[in-house]
């Protein structure tokens, strides 16, 4: 538990976690080689911060305050519940957003998906950045919402990246155009309340 010091504390060694990481003040940062396993809870009014390098997530994890920063690669097969901030870096593993989970894809740093991103909850894509798909796949399941709040590009990088939609893709902010430059396989709802979705 980090209870004082309003700035950042960096754990510059590998952390293997199966329990609760509570940040009540400032930020607690984790580095290359750290692994967060089933049973991990990121809690508190501060920020649990993935700082740099490859970090592995395995199993079911809960979050109140997790942020994935630029320069971080997320590996492993995992399910996340609660709010998670993705402000940069790469997802190379298999990430699932649970029905009670929210993935906020925000900030100005570019990011890359080279693994799979499965959404059963809510994904909100905002901010001013490119979102690269390096042979990655997004599956928005029935009941899931992929909400677009910008005028950016979901950009092709390599391979055959695909967006599979069985739920709702909704553009509800950004009065101009958002371009999906990857293959879209649609079985659900495409709702454009603002601007254009191309």
Protein backbone atom coordinates (compact mmCIF):
# COMPACT_ATOMS: atom_id res chain seq x y z
CA UNK A 1 0.00 0.00 0.00
CA UNK A 2 1.26 3.46 -0.97
CA UNK A 3 -0.36 5.95 1.41
CA UNK A 4 1.76 9.11 1.13
CA UNK A 5 3.88 11.00 -1.36
CA UNK A 6 1.81 12.57 -4.11
CA UNK A 7 4.28 11.84 -6.91
CA UNK A 8 5.65 8.57 -8.33
CA UNK A 9 7.31 5.64 -6.56
CA UNK A 10 9.09 3.28 -8.98
CA UNK A 11 9.60 -0.38 -8.12
CA UNK A 12 12.66 -0.88 -10.33
CA UNK A 13 12.70 -4.67 -9.89
CA UNK A 14 10.44 -7.47 -11.08
CA UNK A 15 7.19 -7.79 -9.12
CA UNK A 16 5.28 -11.10 -9.01
CA UNK A 17 1.84 -10.36 -7.64
CA UNK A 18 -1.17 -12.45 -6.59
CA UNK A 19 -2.79 -9.99 -4.15
CA UNK A 20 -3.86 -6.36 -3.69
CA UNK A 21 -1.87 -3.34 -4.83
CA UNK A 22 -3.44 -0.32 -3.14
CA UNK A 23 -2.34 3.19 -4.14
CA UNK A 24 -4.01 5.87 -2.05
CA UNK A 25 -1.60 8.65 -3.05
CA UNK A 26 0.35 9.43 -6.21
CA UNK A 27 1.55 6.63 -8.47
CA UNK A 28 3.16 3.23 -7.95
CA UNK A 29 5.11 2.15 -11.05
CA UNK A 30 6.12 -1.34 -12.24
CA UNK A 31 8.81 -2.27 -14.76
CA UNK A 32 10.07 -4.93 -17.18
CA UNK A 33 9.53 -8.54 -16.16
CA UNK A 34 6.75 -7.93 -13.66
CA UNK A 35 3.87 -10.40 -13.65
CA UNK A 36 0.37 -9.91 -12.26
CA UNK A 37 -1.56 -13.12 -11.77
CA UNK A 38 -5.14 -14.17 -11.11
CA UNK A 39 -6.31 -12.62 -7.86
CA UNK A 40 -4.54 -9.31 -8.47
CA UNK A 41 -6.53 -6.20 -7.50
CA UNK A 42 -5.36 -2.71 -8.44
CA UNK A 43 -7.10 -0.43 -5.94
CA UNK A 44 -7.06 3.07 -4.46
CA UNK A 45 -7.53 6.70 -5.42
CA UNK A 46 -4.00 6.98 -6.86
CA UNK A 47 -2.63 5.17 -9.93
CA UNK A 48 -1.11 1.73 -10.44
CA UNK A 49 1.18 2.46 -13.37
CA UNK A 50 2.85 0.09 -15.84
CA UNK A 51 5.98 2.14 -16.51
CA UNK A 52 8.16 0.40 -19.13
CA UNK A 53 9.14 -2.94 -20.66
CA UNK A 54 7.14 -6.15 -21.05
CA UNK A 55 4.62 -6.81 -18.30
CA UNK A 56 2.63 -10.07 -18.13
CA UNK A 57 -0.97 -10.37 -17.01
CA UNK A 58 -2.41 -13.84 -16.40
CA UNK A 59 -5.90 -14.83 -15.31
CA UNK A 60 -8.69 -12.70 -13.83
CA UNK A 61 -7.67 -9.27 -12.50
CA UNK A 62 -9.67 -6.33 -11.12
CA UNK A 63 -8.87 -2.65 -11.45
CA UNK A 64 -9.91 0.66 -9.98
CA UNK A 65 -6.88 2.62 -11.16
CA UNK A 66 -4.61 0.75 -13.60
CA UNK A 67 -2.83 2.70 -16.35
CA UNK A 68 -0.85 1.14 -19.23
CA UNK A 69 1.71 3.72 -20.34
CA UNK A 70 3.68 4.37 -23.54
CA UNK A 71 6.72 2.09 -23.77
CA UNK A 72 4.94 -0.88 -22.19
CA UNK A 73 4.12 -4.20 -23.87
CA UNK A 74 1.34 -6.26 -22.31
CA UNK A 75 1.74 -10.04 -22.64
CA UNK A 76 -0.28 -12.98 -21.31
CA UNK A 77 -3.89 -14.17 -21.40
CA UNK A 78 -6.07 -12.23 -19.01
CA UNK A 79 -9.48 -10.78 -18.18
CA UNK A 80 -9.81 -7.30 -16.71
CA UNK A 81 -12.78 -5.95 -14.78
CA UNK A 82 -13.24 -2.36 -13.65
CA UNK A 83 -11.75 0.74 -15.33
CA UNK A 84 -8.36 0.53 -17.11
CA UNK A 85 -6.55 3.41 -18.85
CA UNK A 86 -4.54 2.55 -21.98
CA UNK A 87 -2.51 5.67 -22.76
CA UNK A 88 0.15 4.07 -24.98
CA UNK A 89 2.26 1.01 -25.69
CA UNK A 90 1.43 -2.39 -27.15
CA UNK A 91 -0.95 -5.21 -26.32
CA UNK A 92 0.64 -8.42 -27.62
CA UNK A 93 -1.24 -10.99 -25.54
CA UNK A 94 -4.93 -11.87 -25.28
CA UNK A 95 -6.79 -9.16 -23.36
CA UNK A 96 -10.47 -9.53 -22.47
CA UNK A 97 -12.54 -6.70 -21.04
CA UNK A 98 -15.19 -8.23 -18.76
CA UNK A 99 -18.87 -7.28 -18.78
CA UNK A 100 -18.17 -4.96 -15.82
CA UNK A 101 -14.95 -3.64 -17.34
CA UNK A 102 -14.08 -0.41 -19.16
CA UNK A 103 -11.00 0.12 -21.33
CA UNK A 104 -10.32 3.83 -21.90
CA UNK A 105 -8.04 4.19 -24.94
CA UNK A 106 -6.89 7.77 -24.49
CA UNK A 107 -4.00 10.21 -24.63
CA UNK A 108 -1.74 11.47 -27.41
CA UNK A 109 0.77 8.59 -27.74
CA UNK A 110 0.31 6.09 -30.56
CA UNK A 111 -0.42 2.51 -29.60
CA UNK A 112 -0.40 -0.94 -31.21
CA UNK A 113 -2.44 -4.12 -31.00
CA UNK A 114 -0.46 -7.18 -32.07
CA UNK A 115 -2.53 -9.66 -30.07
CA UNK A 116 -6.25 -10.02 -29.44
CA UNK A 117 -8.60 -7.61 -27.71
CA UNK A 118 -11.97 -9.08 -26.71
CA UNK A 119 -14.64 -6.75 -25.40
CA UNK A 120 -17.66 -7.86 -23.41
CA UNK A 121 -17.99 -4.52 -21.60
CA UNK A 122 -17.13 -0.99 -22.75
CA UNK A 123 -14.19 0.30 -24.78
CA UNK A 124 -13.93 4.08 -25.21
CA UNK A 125 -11.49 5.31 -27.86
CA UNK A 126 -10.73 9.03 -27.43
CA UNK A 127 -7.64 11.21 -27.65
CA UNK A 128 -5.45 12.31 -30.55
CA UNK A 129 -3.36 9.32 -31.64
CA UNK A 130 -3.06 6.56 -34.20
CA UNK A 131 -4.18 3.09 -33.17
CA UNK A 132 -2.09 0.57 -35.16
CA UNK A 133 -3.21 -2.99 -35.85
CA UNK A 134 -0.20 -5.30 -36.30
CA UNK A 135 -2.04 -8.48 -37.31
CA UNK A 136 -4.19 -7.86 -34.25
CA UNK A 137 -7.84 -8.70 -33.80
CA UNK A 138 -10.60 -6.86 -31.97
CA UNK A 139 -13.76 -8.83 -31.20
CA UNK A 140 -16.64 -6.83 -29.80
CA UNK A 141 -19.01 -9.46 -28.42
CA UNK A 142 -22.79 -9.26 -28.15
CA UNK A 143 -23.57 -6.79 -25.36
CA UNK A 144 -20.20 -5.09 -25.78
CA UNK A 145 -19.89 -1.43 -26.82
CA UNK A 146 -16.93 0.03 -28.70
CA UNK A 147 -17.41 3.78 -28.38
CA UNK A 148 -15.44 6.16 -30.61
CA UNK A 149 -14.98 9.75 -29.44
CA UNK A 150 -12.37 11.09 -31.87
CA UNK A 151 -11.51 11.70 -35.53
CA UNK A 152 -8.52 9.36 -35.71
CA UNK A 153 -7.49 6.28 -37.72
CA UNK A 154 -7.52 2.62 -36.80
CA UNK A 155 -4.44 1.99 -38.92
CA UNK A 156 -3.18 -1.08 -40.77
CA UNK A 157 0.39 -2.06 -39.84
CA UNK A 158 0.91 -5.69 -40.88
CA UNK A 159 -0.84 -9.00 -41.55
CA UNK A 160 -4.64 -9.35 -41.71
CA UNK A 161 -5.94 -7.31 -38.76
CA UNK A 162 -9.68 -7.59 -38.21
CA UNK A 163 -12.48 -5.98 -36.26
CA UNK A 164 -15.25 -8.51 -35.53
CA UNK A 165 -18.41 -6.79 -34.29
CA UNK A 166 -21.27 -8.72 -32.70
CA UNK A 167 -22.24 -5.88 -30.35
CA UNK A 168 -22.34 -2.11 -30.96
CA UNK A 169 -19.72 0.15 -32.51
CA UNK A 170 -20.79 3.71 -31.79
CA UNK A 171 -19.22 7.01 -32.86
CA UNK A 172 -20.75 9.66 -30.64
CA UNK A 173 -18.14 12.43 -30.59
CA UNK A 174 -15.77 14.07 -33.03
CA UNK A 175 -17.66 15.84 -35.78
CA UNK A 176 -15.30 14.80 -38.59
CA UNK A 177 -14.21 11.36 -39.88
CA UNK A 178 -12.89 8.27 -38.10
CA UNK A 179 -11.33 5.78 -40.55
CA UNK A 180 -11.20 2.04 -39.89
CA UNK A 181 -8.33 1.05 -42.22
CA UNK A 182 -8.63 -2.65 -41.39
CA UNK A 183 -11.08 -5.38 -42.32
CA UNK A 184 -14.44 -5.16 -40.49
CA UNK A 185 -16.66 -8.23 -40.16
CA UNK A 186 -20.00 -6.99 -38.87
CA UNK A 187 -22.89 -8.91 -37.31
CA UNK A 188 -24.11 -6.17 -34.97
CA UNK A 189 -24.94 -2.45 -34.80
CA UNK A 190 -22.97 0.39 -36.35
CA UNK A 191 -24.27 3.61 -34.79
CA UNK A 192 -22.92 6.97 -35.99
CA UNK A 193 -24.29 9.86 -33.94
CA UNK A 194 -21.52 12.32 -34.84
CA UNK A 195 -19.44 12.86 -37.98
CA UNK A 196 -18.52 9.94 -40.20
CA UNK A 197 -17.28 6.36 -39.67
CA UNK A 198 -15.42 5.09 -42.74
